[in-house]
PDB file of all heavy atoms in Angstrom:
ATOM      1  N   HIS A   1     -19.530  34.291  -2.635  1.00  0.00           N
ATOM      2  CA  HIS A   1     -18.360  33.410  -2.514  1.00  0.00           C
ATOM      3  C   HIS A   1     -17.333  33.855  -3.536  1.00  0.00           C
ATOM      4  O   HIS A   1     -17.591  33.929  -4.736  1.00  0.00           O
ATOM      5  CB  HIS A   1     -18.769  31.956  -2.773  1.00  0.00           C
ATOM      6  CG  HIS A   1     -17.574  31.052  -2.901  1.00  0.00           C
ATOM      7  ND1 HIS A   1     -16.757  30.756  -1.819  1.00  0.00           N
ATOM      8  CD2 HIS A   1     -17.104  30.363  -3.944  1.00  0.00           C
ATOM      9  CE1 HIS A   1     -15.821  29.932  -2.209  1.00  0.00           C
ATOM     10  NE2 HIS A   1     -15.983  29.677  -3.508  1.00  0.00           N
ATOM     11  N   GLU A   2     -16.144  34.158  -3.051  1.00  0.00           N
ATOM     12  CA  GLU A   2     -15.041  34.517  -3.923  1.00  0.00           C
ATOM     13  C   GLU A   2     -14.214  33.253  -4.179  1.00  0.00           C
ATOM     14  O   GLU A   2     -13.623  32.694  -3.238  1.00  0.00           O
ATOM     15  CB  GLU A   2     -14.172  35.576  -3.238  1.00  0.00           C
ATOM     16  CG  GLU A   2     -14.845  36.929  -3.038  1.00  0.00           C
ATOM     17  CD  GLU A   2     -15.092  37.653  -4.348  1.00  0.00           C
ATOM     18  OE1 GLU A   2     -14.444  37.278  -5.351  1.00  0.00           O
ATOM     19  OE2 GLU A   2     -15.920  38.576  -4.364  1.00  0.00           O
ATOM     20  N   CYS A   3     -14.224  32.788  -5.398  1.00  0.00           N
ATOM     21  CA  CYS A   3     -13.513  31.558  -5.738  1.00  0.00           C
ATOM     22  C   CYS A   3     -12.013  31.838  -5.828  1.00  0.00           C
ATOM     23  O   CYS A   3     -11.560  32.724  -6.529  1.00  0.00           O
ATOM     24  CB  CYS A   3     -14.022  30.999  -7.087  1.00  0.00           C
ATOM     25  SG  CYS A   3     -13.293  29.398  -7.495  1.00  0.00           S
ATOM     26  N   THR A   4     -11.271  31.057  -5.074  1.00  0.00           N
ATOM     27  CA  THR A   4      -9.811  31.194  -5.049  1.00  0.00           C
ATOM     28  C   THR A   4      -9.096  30.136  -5.856  1.00  0.00           C
ATOM     29  O   THR A   4      -7.869  30.051  -5.861  1.00  0.00           O
ATOM     30  CB  THR A   4      -9.297  31.122  -3.598  1.00  0.00           C
ATOM     31  OG1 THR A   4      -9.693  29.881  -3.030  1.00  0.00           O
ATOM     32  CG2 THR A   4      -9.865  32.281  -2.764  1.00  0.00           C
ATOM     33  N   LEU A   5      -9.843  29.275  -6.513  1.00  0.00           N
ATOM     34  CA  LEU A   5      -9.287  28.206  -7.317  1.00  0.00           C
ATOM     35  C   LEU A   5      -8.749  28.765  -8.640  1.00  0.00           C
ATOM     36  O   LEU A   5      -9.274  29.763  -9.155  1.00  0.00           O
ATOM     37  CB  LEU A   5     -10.279  27.105  -7.580  1.00  0.00           C
ATOM     38  CG  LEU A   5     -10.782  26.331  -6.386  1.00  0.00           C
ATOM     39  CD1 LEU A   5     -11.865  25.354  -6.834  1.00  0.00           C
ATOM     40  CD2 LEU A   5      -9.676  25.630  -5.638  1.00  0.00           C
ATOM     41  N   SER A   6      -7.737  28.120  -9.178  1.00  0.00           N
ATOM     42  CA  SER A   6      -7.227  28.512 -10.458  1.00  0.00           C
ATOM     43  C   SER A   6      -8.168  28.066 -11.561  1.00  0.00           C
ATOM     44  O   SER A   6      -9.092  27.275 -11.354  1.00  0.00           O
ATOM     45  CB  SER A   6      -5.838  27.922 -10.681  1.00  0.00           C
ATOM     46  OG  SER A   6      -5.894  26.505 -10.651  1.00  0.00           O
ATOM     47  N   LYS A   7      -7.955  28.564 -12.772  1.00  0.00           N
ATOM     48  CA  LYS A   7      -8.835  28.204 -13.870  1.00  0.00           C
ATOM     49  C   LYS A   7      -8.747  26.722 -14.200  1.00  0.00           C
ATOM     50  O   LYS A   7      -9.687  26.130 -14.681  1.00  0.00           O
ATOM     51  CB  LYS A   7      -8.464  29.037 -15.095  1.00  0.00           C
ATOM     52  CG  LYS A   7      -8.793  30.518 -14.928  1.00  0.00           C
ATOM     53  CD  LYS A   7      -8.469  31.286 -16.204  1.00  0.00           C
ATOM     54  CE  LYS A   7      -8.830  32.765 -16.037  1.00  0.00           C
ATOM     55  NZ  LYS A   7      -8.547  33.530 -17.291  1.00  0.00           N
ATOM     56  N   GLU A   8      -7.561  26.102 -13.988  1.00  0.00           N
ATOM     57  CA  GLU A   8      -7.407  24.721 -14.293  1.00  0.00           C
ATOM     58  C   GLU A   8      -8.202  23.842 -13.332  1.00  0.00           C
ATOM     59  O   GLU A   8      -8.686  22.774 -13.675  1.00  0.00           O
ATOM     60  CB  GLU A   8      -5.935  24.318 -14.240  1.00  0.00           C
ATOM     61  CG  GLU A   8      -5.097  24.968 -15.348  1.00  0.00           C
ATOM     62  CD  GLU A   8      -3.649  24.503 -15.298  1.00  0.00           C
ATOM     63  OE1 GLU A   8      -3.335  23.785 -14.338  1.00  0.00           O
ATOM     64  OE2 GLU A   8      -2.876  24.870 -16.181  1.00  0.00           O
ATOM     65  N   GLN A   9      -8.403  24.333 -12.073  1.00  0.00           N
ATOM     66  CA  GLN A   9      -9.089  23.547 -11.072  1.00  0.00           C
ATOM     67  C   GLN A   9     -10.575  23.733 -11.105  1.00  0.00           C
ATOM     68  O   GLN A   9     -11.306  22.994 -10.454  1.00  0.00           O
ATOM     69  CB  GLN A   9      -8.571  23.878  -9.681  1.00  0.00           C
ATOM     70  CG  GLN A   9      -7.104  23.456  -9.475  1.00  0.00           C
ATOM     71  CD  GLN A   9      -6.563  23.885  -8.140  1.00  0.00           C
ATOM     72  OE1 GLN A   9      -7.138  24.798  -7.505  1.00  0.00           O
ATOM     73  NE2 GLN A   9      -5.511  23.245  -7.671  1.00  0.00           N
ATOM     74  N   LYS A  10     -11.074  24.744 -11.835  1.00  0.00           N
ATOM     75  CA  LYS A  10     -12.510  24.960 -11.878  1.00  0.00           C
ATOM     76  C   LYS A  10     -13.231  23.832 -12.614  1.00  0.00           C
ATOM     77  O   LYS A  10     -14.379  23.550 -12.298  1.00  0.00           O
ATOM     78  CB  LYS A  10     -12.816  26.301 -12.569  1.00  0.00           C
ATOM     79  CG  LYS A  10     -12.492  27.498 -11.703  1.00  0.00           C
ATOM     80  CD  LYS A  10     -12.877  28.779 -12.401  1.00  0.00           C
ATOM     81  CE  LYS A  10     -12.542  29.965 -11.530  1.00  0.00           C
ATOM     82  NZ  LYS A  10     -12.918  31.252 -12.194  1.00  0.00           N
ATOM     83  N   GLY A  11     -12.598  23.244 -13.536  1.00  0.00           N
ATOM     84  CA  GLY A  11     -13.223  22.123 -14.285  1.00  0.00           C
ATOM     85  C   GLY A  11     -12.859  20.799 -13.669  1.00  0.00           C
ATOM     86  O   GLY A  11     -12.514  19.857 -14.383  1.00  0.00           O
ATOM     87  N   ASP A  12     -12.925  20.714 -12.371  1.00  0.00           N
ATOM     88  CA  ASP A  12     -12.512  19.479 -11.697  1.00  0.00           C
ATOM     89  C   ASP A  12     -13.439  18.327 -12.074  1.00  0.00           C
ATOM     90  O   ASP A  12     -14.532  18.540 -12.645  1.00  0.00           O
ATOM     91  CB  ASP A  12     -12.514  19.717 -10.174  1.00  0.00           C
ATOM     92  CG  ASP A  12     -11.564  18.741  -9.470  1.00  0.00           C
ATOM     93  OD1 ASP A  12     -11.120  17.794 -10.130  1.00  0.00           O
ATOM     94  OD2 ASP A  12     -11.262  18.983  -8.304  1.00  0.00           O
ATOM     95  N   ILE A  13     -13.010  17.121 -11.744  1.00  0.00           N
ATOM     96  CA  ILE A  13     -13.693  15.918 -12.223  1.00  0.00           C
ATOM     97  C   ILE A  13     -14.626  15.380 -11.135  1.00  0.00           C
ATOM     98  O   ILE A  13     -14.676  14.184 -10.899  1.00  0.00           O
ATOM     99  CB  ILE A  13     -12.654  14.867 -12.617  1.00  0.00           C
ATOM    100  CG1 ILE A  13     -11.617  14.677 -11.501  1.00  0.00           C
ATOM    101  CG2 ILE A  13     -11.951  15.251 -13.905  1.00  0.00           C
ATOM    102  CD1 ILE A  13     -10.578  13.610 -11.792  1.00  0.00           C
ATOM    103  N   LEU A  14     -15.337  16.259 -10.439  1.00  0.00           N
ATOM    104  CA  LEU A  14     -16.250  15.828  -9.410  1.00  0.00           C
ATOM    105  C   LEU A  14     -17.577  15.459 -10.045  1.00  0.00           C
ATOM    106  O   LEU A  14     -18.149  16.224 -10.824  1.00  0.00           O
ATOM    107  CB  LEU A  14     -16.446  16.943  -8.372  1.00  0.00           C
ATOM    108  CG  LEU A  14     -15.173  17.353  -7.613  1.00  0.00           C
ATOM    109  CD1 LEU A  14     -15.470  18.533  -6.690  1.00  0.00           C
ATOM    110  CD2 LEU A  14     -14.591  16.186  -6.842  1.00  0.00           C
ATOM    111  N   ARG A  15     -18.102  14.291  -9.672  1.00  0.00           N
ATOM    112  CA  ARG A  15     -19.354  13.828 -10.216  1.00  0.00           C
ATOM    113  C   ARG A  15     -20.489  14.141  -9.249  1.00  0.00           C
ATOM    114  O   ARG A  15     -20.400  13.798  -8.071  1.00  0.00           O
ATOM    115  CB  ARG A  15     -19.283  12.325 -10.496  1.00  0.00           C
ATOM    116  CG  ARG A  15     -20.552  11.753 -11.079  1.00  0.00           C
ATOM    117  CD  ARG A  15     -20.362  10.311 -11.446  1.00  0.00           C
ATOM    118  NE  ARG A  15     -21.566   9.749 -12.042  1.00  0.00           N
ATOM    119  CZ  ARG A  15     -21.695   8.523 -12.468  1.00  0.00           C
ATOM    120  NH1 ARG A  15     -20.670   7.705 -12.429  1.00  0.00           N
ATOM    121  NH2 ARG A  15     -22.821   8.097 -12.985  1.00  0.00           N
ATOM    122  N   SER A  16     -21.540  14.761  -9.718  1.00  0.00           N
ATOM    123  CA  SER A  16     -22.670  15.142  -8.885  1.00  0.00           C
ATOM    124  C   SER A  16     -23.859  14.291  -9.263  1.00  0.00           C
ATOM    125  O   SER A  16     -24.130  14.022 -10.436  1.00  0.00           O
ATOM    126  CB  SER A  16     -23.007  16.620  -9.070  1.00  0.00           C
ATOM    127  OG  SER A  16     -24.202  16.935  -8.394  1.00  0.00           O
ATOM    128  N   PRO A  17     -24.677  13.850  -8.275  1.00  0.00           N
ATOM    129  CA  PRO A  17     -25.895  13.070  -8.594  1.00  0.00           C
ATOM    130  C   PRO A  17     -26.956  13.880  -9.293  1.00  0.00           C
ATOM    131  O   PRO A  17     -27.894  13.351  -9.829  1.00  0.00           O
ATOM    132  CB  PRO A  17     -26.370  12.584  -7.220  1.00  0.00           C
ATOM    133  CG  PRO A  17     -25.776  13.540  -6.261  1.00  0.00           C
ATOM    134  CD  PRO A  17     -24.483  13.989  -6.818  1.00  0.00           C
ATOM    135  N   TYR A  18     -26.820  15.221  -9.272  1.00  0.00           N
ATOM    136  CA  TYR A  18     -27.795  16.108  -9.905  1.00  0.00           C
ATOM    137  C   TYR A  18     -27.387  16.517 -11.312  1.00  0.00           C
ATOM    138  O   TYR A  18     -28.012  17.382 -11.919  1.00  0.00           O
ATOM    139  CB  TYR A  18     -27.993  17.342  -9.040  1.00  0.00           C
ATOM    140  CG  TYR A  18     -28.411  17.047  -7.630  1.00  0.00           C
ATOM    141  CD1 TYR A  18     -27.471  17.086  -6.597  1.00  0.00           C
ATOM    142  CD2 TYR A  18     -29.729  16.697  -7.339  1.00  0.00           C
ATOM    143  CE1 TYR A  18     -27.847  16.791  -5.285  1.00  0.00           C
ATOM    144  CE2 TYR A  18     -30.106  16.404  -6.030  1.00  0.00           C
ATOM    145  CZ  TYR A  18     -29.166  16.442  -5.009  1.00  0.00           C
ATOM    146  OH  TYR A  18     -29.545  16.158  -3.735  1.00  0.00           O
ATOM    147  N   SER A  19     -26.329  15.895 -11.841  1.00  0.00           N
ATOM    148  CA  SER A  19     -25.878  16.238 -13.178  1.00  0.00           C
ATOM    149  C   SER A  19     -26.837  15.691 -14.218  1.00  0.00           C
ATOM    150  O   SER A  19     -27.594  14.722 -13.965  1.00  0.00           O
ATOM    151  CB  SER A  19     -24.474  15.677 -13.415  1.00  0.00           C
ATOM    152  OG  SER A  19     -23.569  16.213 -12.481  1.00  0.00           O
ATOM    153  N   SER A  20     -26.811  16.263 -15.392  1.00  0.00           N
ATOM    154  CA  SER A  20     -27.650  15.803 -16.505  1.00  0.00           C
ATOM    155  C   SER A  20     -27.137  14.486 -17.037  1.00  0.00           C
ATOM    156  O   SER A  20     -25.966  14.126 -16.829  1.00  0.00           O
ATOM    157  CB  SER A  20     -27.677  16.855 -17.613  1.00  0.00           C
ATOM    158  OG  SER A  20     -26.364  17.048 -18.108  1.00  0.00           O
ATOM    159  N   PRO A  21     -27.980  13.733 -17.768  1.00  0.00           N
ATOM    160  CA  PRO A  21     -27.500  12.431 -18.319  1.00  0.00           C
ATOM    161  C   PRO A  21     -26.298  12.591 -19.230  1.00  0.00           C
ATOM    162  O   PRO A  21     -25.417  11.729 -19.228  1.00  0.00           O
ATOM    163  CB  PRO A  21     -28.720  11.916 -19.052  1.00  0.00           C
ATOM    164  CG  PRO A  21     -29.892  12.537 -18.388  1.00  0.00           C
ATOM    165  CD  PRO A  21     -29.415  13.901 -17.974  1.00  0.00           C
ATOM    166  N   ILE A  22     -26.249  13.675 -19.998  1.00  0.00           N
ATOM    167  CA  ILE A  22     -25.106  13.901 -20.884  1.00  0.00           C
ATOM    168  C   ILE A  22     -23.854  14.131 -20.070  1.00  0.00           C
ATOM    169  O   ILE A  22     -22.770  13.624 -20.383  1.00  0.00           O
ATOM    170  CB  ILE A  22     -25.388  15.072 -21.836  1.00  0.00           C
ATOM    171  CG1 ILE A  22     -26.610  14.750 -22.726  1.00  0.00           C
ATOM    172  CG2 ILE A  22     -24.170  15.355 -22.692  1.00  0.00           C
ATOM    173  CD1 ILE A  22     -26.989  15.876 -23.658  1.00  0.00           C
ATOM    174  N   ARG A  23     -24.007  14.888 -18.971  1.00  0.00           N
ATOM    175  CA  ARG A  23     -22.848  15.148 -18.115  1.00  0.00           C
ATOM    176  C   ARG A  23     -22.393  13.871 -17.423  1.00  0.00           C
ATOM    177  O   ARG A  23     -21.175  13.634 -17.283  1.00  0.00           O
ATOM    178  CB  ARG A  23     -23.259  16.192 -17.066  1.00  0.00           C
ATOM    179  CG  ARG A  23     -22.113  16.710 -16.213  1.00  0.00           C
ATOM    180  CD  ARG A  23     -21.112  17.477 -17.016  1.00  0.00           C
ATOM    181  NE  ARG A  23     -20.088  18.067 -16.172  1.00  0.00           N
ATOM    182  CZ  ARG A  23     -18.981  18.616 -16.617  1.00  0.00           C
ATOM    183  NH1 ARG A  23     -18.745  18.626 -17.953  1.00  0.00           N
ATOM    184  NH2 ARG A  23     -18.097  19.140 -15.806  1.00  0.00           N
ATOM    185  N   LYS A  24     -23.310  13.024 -16.996  1.00  0.00           N
ATOM    186  CA  LYS A  24     -22.942  11.774 -16.400  1.00  0.00           C
ATOM    187  C   LYS A  24     -22.207  10.860 -17.402  1.00  0.00           C
ATOM    188  O   LYS A  24     -21.244  10.172 -17.048  1.00  0.00           O
ATOM    189  CB  LYS A  24     -24.172  11.057 -15.849  1.00  0.00           C
ATOM    190  CG  LYS A  24     -24.782  11.747 -14.629  1.00  0.00           C
ATOM    191  CD  LYS A  24     -26.003  10.973 -14.134  1.00  0.00           C
ATOM    192  CE  LYS A  24     -26.638  11.637 -12.924  1.00  0.00           C
ATOM    193  NZ  LYS A  24     -27.819  10.887 -12.445  1.00  0.00           N
ATOM    194  N   LEU A  25     -22.704  10.859 -18.648  1.00  0.00           N
ATOM    195  CA  LEU A  25     -22.031  10.084 -19.701  1.00  0.00           C
ATOM    196  C   LEU A  25     -20.621  10.605 -19.926  1.00  0.00           C
ATOM    197  O   LEU A  25     -19.681   9.842 -20.151  1.00  0.00           O
ATOM    198  CB  LEU A  25     -22.851  10.129 -20.974  1.00  0.00           C
ATOM    199  CG  LEU A  25     -22.310   9.280 -22.148  1.00  0.00           C
ATOM    200  CD1 LEU A  25     -22.301   7.783 -21.778  1.00  0.00           C
ATOM    201  CD2 LEU A  25     -23.182   9.489 -23.387  1.00  0.00           C
ATOM    202  N   SER A  26     -20.476  11.934 -19.869  1.00  0.00           N
ATOM    203  CA  SER A  26     -19.147  12.529 -20.023  1.00  0.00           C
ATOM    204  C   SER A  26     -18.233  12.132 -18.880  1.00  0.00           C
ATOM    205  O   SER A  26     -17.042  11.820 -19.104  1.00  0.00           O
ATOM    206  CB  SER A  26     -19.247  14.055 -20.104  1.00  0.00           C
ATOM    207  OG  SER A  26     -17.984  14.655 -20.161  1.00  0.00           O
ATOM    208  N   PHE A  27     -18.749  12.127 -17.645  1.00  0.00           N
ATOM    209  CA  PHE A  27     -17.966  11.690 -16.507  1.00  0.00           C
ATOM    210  C   PHE A  27     -17.537  10.237 -16.671  1.00  0.00           C
ATOM    211  O   PHE A  27     -16.403   9.850 -16.340  1.00  0.00           O
ATOM    212  CB  PHE A  27     -18.764  11.850 -15.218  1.00  0.00           C
ATOM    213  CG  PHE A  27     -18.871  13.268 -14.751  1.00  0.00           C
ATOM    214  CD1 PHE A  27     -20.046  13.764 -14.245  1.00  0.00           C
ATOM    215  CD2 PHE A  27     -17.794  14.143 -14.851  1.00  0.00           C
ATOM    216  CE1 PHE A  27     -20.155  15.085 -13.823  1.00  0.00           C
ATOM    217  CE2 PHE A  27     -17.883  15.443 -14.447  1.00  0.00           C
ATOM    218  CZ  PHE A  27     -19.055  15.915 -13.925  1.00  0.00           C
ATOM    219  N   TRP A  28     -18.458   9.393 -17.147  1.00  0.00           N
ATOM    220  CA  TRP A  28     -18.097   7.986 -17.350  1.00  0.00           C
ATOM    221  C   TRP A  28     -16.993   7.814 -18.365  1.00  0.00           C
ATOM    222  O   TRP A  28     -16.066   7.022 -18.196  1.00  0.00           O
ATOM    223  CB  TRP A  28     -19.356   7.215 -17.778  1.00  0.00           C
ATOM    224  CG  TRP A  28     -19.085   5.778 -18.114  1.00  0.00           C
ATOM    225  CD1 TRP A  28     -18.958   4.740 -17.261  1.00  0.00           C
ATOM    226  CD2 TRP A  28     -18.853   5.237 -19.431  1.00  0.00           C
ATOM    227  NE1 TRP A  28     -18.690   3.573 -17.942  1.00  0.00           N
ATOM    228  CE2 TRP A  28     -18.620   3.838 -19.263  1.00  0.00           C
ATOM    229  CE3 TRP A  28     -18.846   5.783 -20.702  1.00  0.00           C
ATOM    230  CZ2 TRP A  28     -18.367   3.021 -20.337  1.00  0.00           C
ATOM    231  CZ3 TRP A  28     -18.566   4.954 -21.774  1.00  0.00           C
ATOM    232  CH2 TRP A  28     -18.347   3.586 -21.592  1.00  0.00           C
ATOM    233  N   TYR A  29     -17.066   8.565 -19.485  1.00  0.00           N
ATOM    234  CA  TYR A  29     -16.031   8.479 -20.498  1.00  0.00           C
ATOM    235  C   TYR A  29     -14.697   8.976 -19.977  1.00  0.00           C
ATOM    236  O   TYR A  29     -13.647   8.397 -20.280  1.00  0.00           O
ATOM    237  CB  TYR A  29     -16.457   9.284 -21.732  1.00  0.00           C
ATOM    238  CG  TYR A  29     -15.391   9.404 -22.785  1.00  0.00           C
ATOM    239  CD1 TYR A  29     -15.003   8.275 -23.556  1.00  0.00           C
ATOM    240  CD2 TYR A  29     -14.715  10.589 -22.996  1.00  0.00           C
ATOM    241  CE1 TYR A  29     -14.008   8.367 -24.492  1.00  0.00           C
ATOM    242  CE2 TYR A  29     -13.724  10.699 -23.916  1.00  0.00           C
ATOM    243  CZ  TYR A  29     -13.361   9.579 -24.681  1.00  0.00           C
ATOM    244  OH  TYR A  29     -12.376   9.690 -25.602  1.00  0.00           O
ATOM    245  N   GLN A  30     -14.712  10.070 -19.187  1.00  0.00           N
ATOM    246  CA  GLN A  30     -13.475  10.594 -18.647  1.00  0.00           C
ATOM    247  C   GLN A  30     -12.809   9.576 -17.729  1.00  0.00           C
ATOM    248  O   GLN A  30     -11.594   9.382 -17.757  1.00  0.00           O
ATOM    249  CB  GLN A  30     -13.765  11.894 -17.888  1.00  0.00           C
ATOM    250  CG  GLN A  30     -14.313  13.038 -18.721  1.00  0.00           C
ATOM    251  CD  GLN A  30     -13.330  13.515 -19.760  1.00  0.00           C
ATOM    252  OE1 GLN A  30     -12.131  13.257 -19.675  1.00  0.00           O
ATOM    253  NE2 GLN A  30     -13.835  14.172 -20.774  1.00  0.00           N
ATOM    254  N   SER A  31     -13.605   8.928 -16.881  1.00  0.00           N
ATOM    255  CA  SER A  31     -13.055   7.901 -15.972  1.00  0.00           C
ATOM    256  C   SER A  31     -12.567   6.676 -16.721  1.00  0.00           C
ATOM    257  O   SER A  31     -11.690   5.954 -16.266  1.00  0.00           O
ATOM    258  CB  SER A  31     -14.075   7.499 -14.942  1.00  0.00           C
ATOM    259  OG  SER A  31     -15.203   6.881 -15.562  1.00  0.00           O
ATOM    260  N   PHE A  32     -13.128   6.432 -17.921  1.00  0.00           N
ATOM    261  CA  PHE A  32     -12.757   5.262 -18.715  1.00  0.00           C
ATOM    262  C   PHE A  32     -11.481   5.477 -19.491  1.00  0.00           C
ATOM    263  O   PHE A  32     -10.764   4.531 -19.810  1.00  0.00           O
ATOM    264  CB  PHE A  32     -13.888   4.942 -19.666  1.00  0.00           C
ATOM    265  CG  PHE A  32     -13.869   3.502 -20.156  1.00  0.00           C
ATOM    266  CD1 PHE A  32     -14.037   2.451 -19.255  1.00  0.00           C
ATOM    267  CD2 PHE A  32     -13.722   3.205 -21.481  1.00  0.00           C
ATOM    268  CE1 PHE A  32     -14.000   1.118 -19.697  1.00  0.00           C
ATOM    269  CE2 PHE A  32     -13.696   1.887 -21.943  1.00  0.00           C
ATOM    270  CZ  PHE A  32     -13.848   0.865 -21.016  1.00  0.00           C
ATOM    271  N   ARG A  33     -11.153   6.757 -19.805  1.00  0.00           N
ATOM    272  CA  ARG A  33      -9.958   7.056 -20.619  1.00  0.00           C
ATOM    273  C   ARG A  33      -8.788   7.569 -19.817  1.00  0.00           C
ATOM    274  O   ARG A  33      -7.686   7.714 -20.365  1.00  0.00           O
ATOM    275  CB  ARG A  33     -10.305   8.078 -21.698  1.00  0.00           C
ATOM    276  CG  ARG A  33     -10.406   9.508 -21.205  1.00  0.00           C
ATOM    277  CD  ARG A  33     -10.689  10.476 -22.340  1.00  0.00           C
ATOM    278  NE  ARG A  33     -10.704  11.854 -21.910  1.00  0.00           N
ATOM    279  CZ  ARG A  33      -9.629  12.645 -21.909  1.00  0.00           C
ATOM    280  NH1 ARG A  33      -8.473  12.174 -22.325  1.00  0.00           N
ATOM    281  NH2 ARG A  33      -9.702  13.912 -21.514  1.00  0.00           N
ATOM    282  N   THR A  34      -8.964   7.841 -18.536  1.00  0.00           N
ATOM    283  CA  THR A  34      -7.845   8.318 -17.722  1.00  0.00           C
ATOM    284  C   THR A  34      -7.239   7.192 -16.923  1.00  0.00           C
ATOM    285  O   THR A  34      -7.674   6.035 -17.017  1.00  0.00           O
ATOM    286  CB  THR A  34      -8.353   9.432 -16.784  1.00  0.00           C
ATOM    287  OG1 THR A  34      -7.196  10.039 -16.160  1.00  0.00           O
ATOM    288  CG2 THR A  34      -9.278   8.912 -15.709  1.00  0.00           C
ATOM    289  N   VAL A  35      -6.239   7.493 -16.118  1.00  0.00           N
ATOM    290  CA  VAL A  35      -5.519   6.489 -15.361  1.00  0.00           C
ATOM    291  C   VAL A  35      -6.467   5.780 -14.400  1.00  0.00           C
ATOM    292  O   VAL A  35      -7.323   6.403 -13.769  1.00  0.00           O
ATOM    293  CB  VAL A  35      -4.344   7.125 -14.606  1.00  0.00           C
ATOM    294  CG1 VAL A  35      -4.811   8.177 -13.629  1.00  0.00           C
ATOM    295  CG2 VAL A  35      -3.505   6.068 -13.906  1.00  0.00           C
ATOM    296  N   ASN A  36      -6.291   4.472 -14.305  1.00  0.00           N
ATOM    297  CA  ASN A  36      -7.132   3.652 -13.456  1.00  0.00           C
ATOM    298  C   ASN A  36      -6.264   2.828 -12.541  1.00  0.00           C
ATOM    299  O   ASN A  36      -5.172   2.354 -12.924  1.00  0.00           O
ATOM    300  CB  ASN A  36      -8.013   2.734 -14.313  1.00  0.00           C
ATOM    301  CG  ASN A  36      -8.935   1.861 -13.477  1.00  0.00           C
ATOM    302  OD1 ASN A  36      -9.759   2.385 -12.716  1.00  0.00           O
ATOM    303  ND2 ASN A  36      -8.814   0.566 -13.583  1.00  0.00           N
ATOM    304  N   LYS A  37      -6.736   2.624 -11.301  1.00  0.00           N
ATOM    305  CA  LYS A  37      -5.982   1.839 -10.347  1.00  0.00           C
ATOM    306  C   LYS A  37      -6.080   0.369 -10.706  1.00  0.00           C
ATOM    307  O   LYS A  37      -7.156  -0.243 -10.660  1.00  0.00           O
ATOM    308  CB  LYS A  37      -6.485   2.086  -8.917  1.00  0.00           C
ATOM    309  CG  LYS A  37      -5.670   1.368  -7.863  1.00  0.00           C
ATOM    310  CD  LYS A  37      -6.250   1.585  -6.485  1.00  0.00           C
ATOM    311  CE  LYS A  37      -6.074   3.014  -6.035  1.00  0.00           C
ATOM    312  NZ  LYS A  37      -6.495   3.207  -4.621  1.00  0.00           N
ATOM    313  N   SER A  38      -4.957  -0.235 -11.051  1.00  0.00           N
ATOM    314  CA  SER A  38      -4.927  -1.654 -11.430  1.00  0.00           C
ATOM    315  C   SER A  38      -3.567  -2.208 -11.003  1.00  0.00           C
ATOM    316  O   SER A  38      -2.682  -1.483 -10.526  1.00  0.00           O
ATOM    317  CB  SER A  38      -5.140  -1.829 -12.926  1.00  0.00           C
ATOM    318  OG  SER A  38      -4.122  -1.192 -13.667  1.00  0.00           O
ATOM    319  N   GLU A  39      -3.416  -3.511 -11.181  1.00  0.00           N
ATOM    320  CA  GLU A  39      -2.134  -4.155 -10.837  1.00  0.00           C
ATOM    321  C   GLU A  39      -0.992  -3.639 -11.683  1.00  0.00           C
ATOM    322  O   GLU A  39       0.170  -3.657 -11.271  1.00  0.00           O
ATOM    323  CB  GLU A  39      -2.265  -5.665 -10.974  1.00  0.00           C
ATOM    324  CG  GLU A  39      -1.066  -6.446 -10.485  1.00  0.00           C
ATOM    325  CD  GLU A  39      -1.245  -7.935 -10.639  1.00  0.00           C
ATOM    326  OE1 GLU A  39      -2.358  -8.372 -11.003  1.00  0.00           O
ATOM    327  OE2 GLU A  39      -0.272  -8.668 -10.410  1.00  0.00           O
TER     328      GLU A  39
END
């Protein structure tokens, strides 16, 4: 597979169920500190 994504898009914020607990904690913190849909 030849990846055509840019370097900025390689570290996308997709959460996988097979991630390690530390990675899941990192995903939770990222979602907690970034923009959130609210009123």
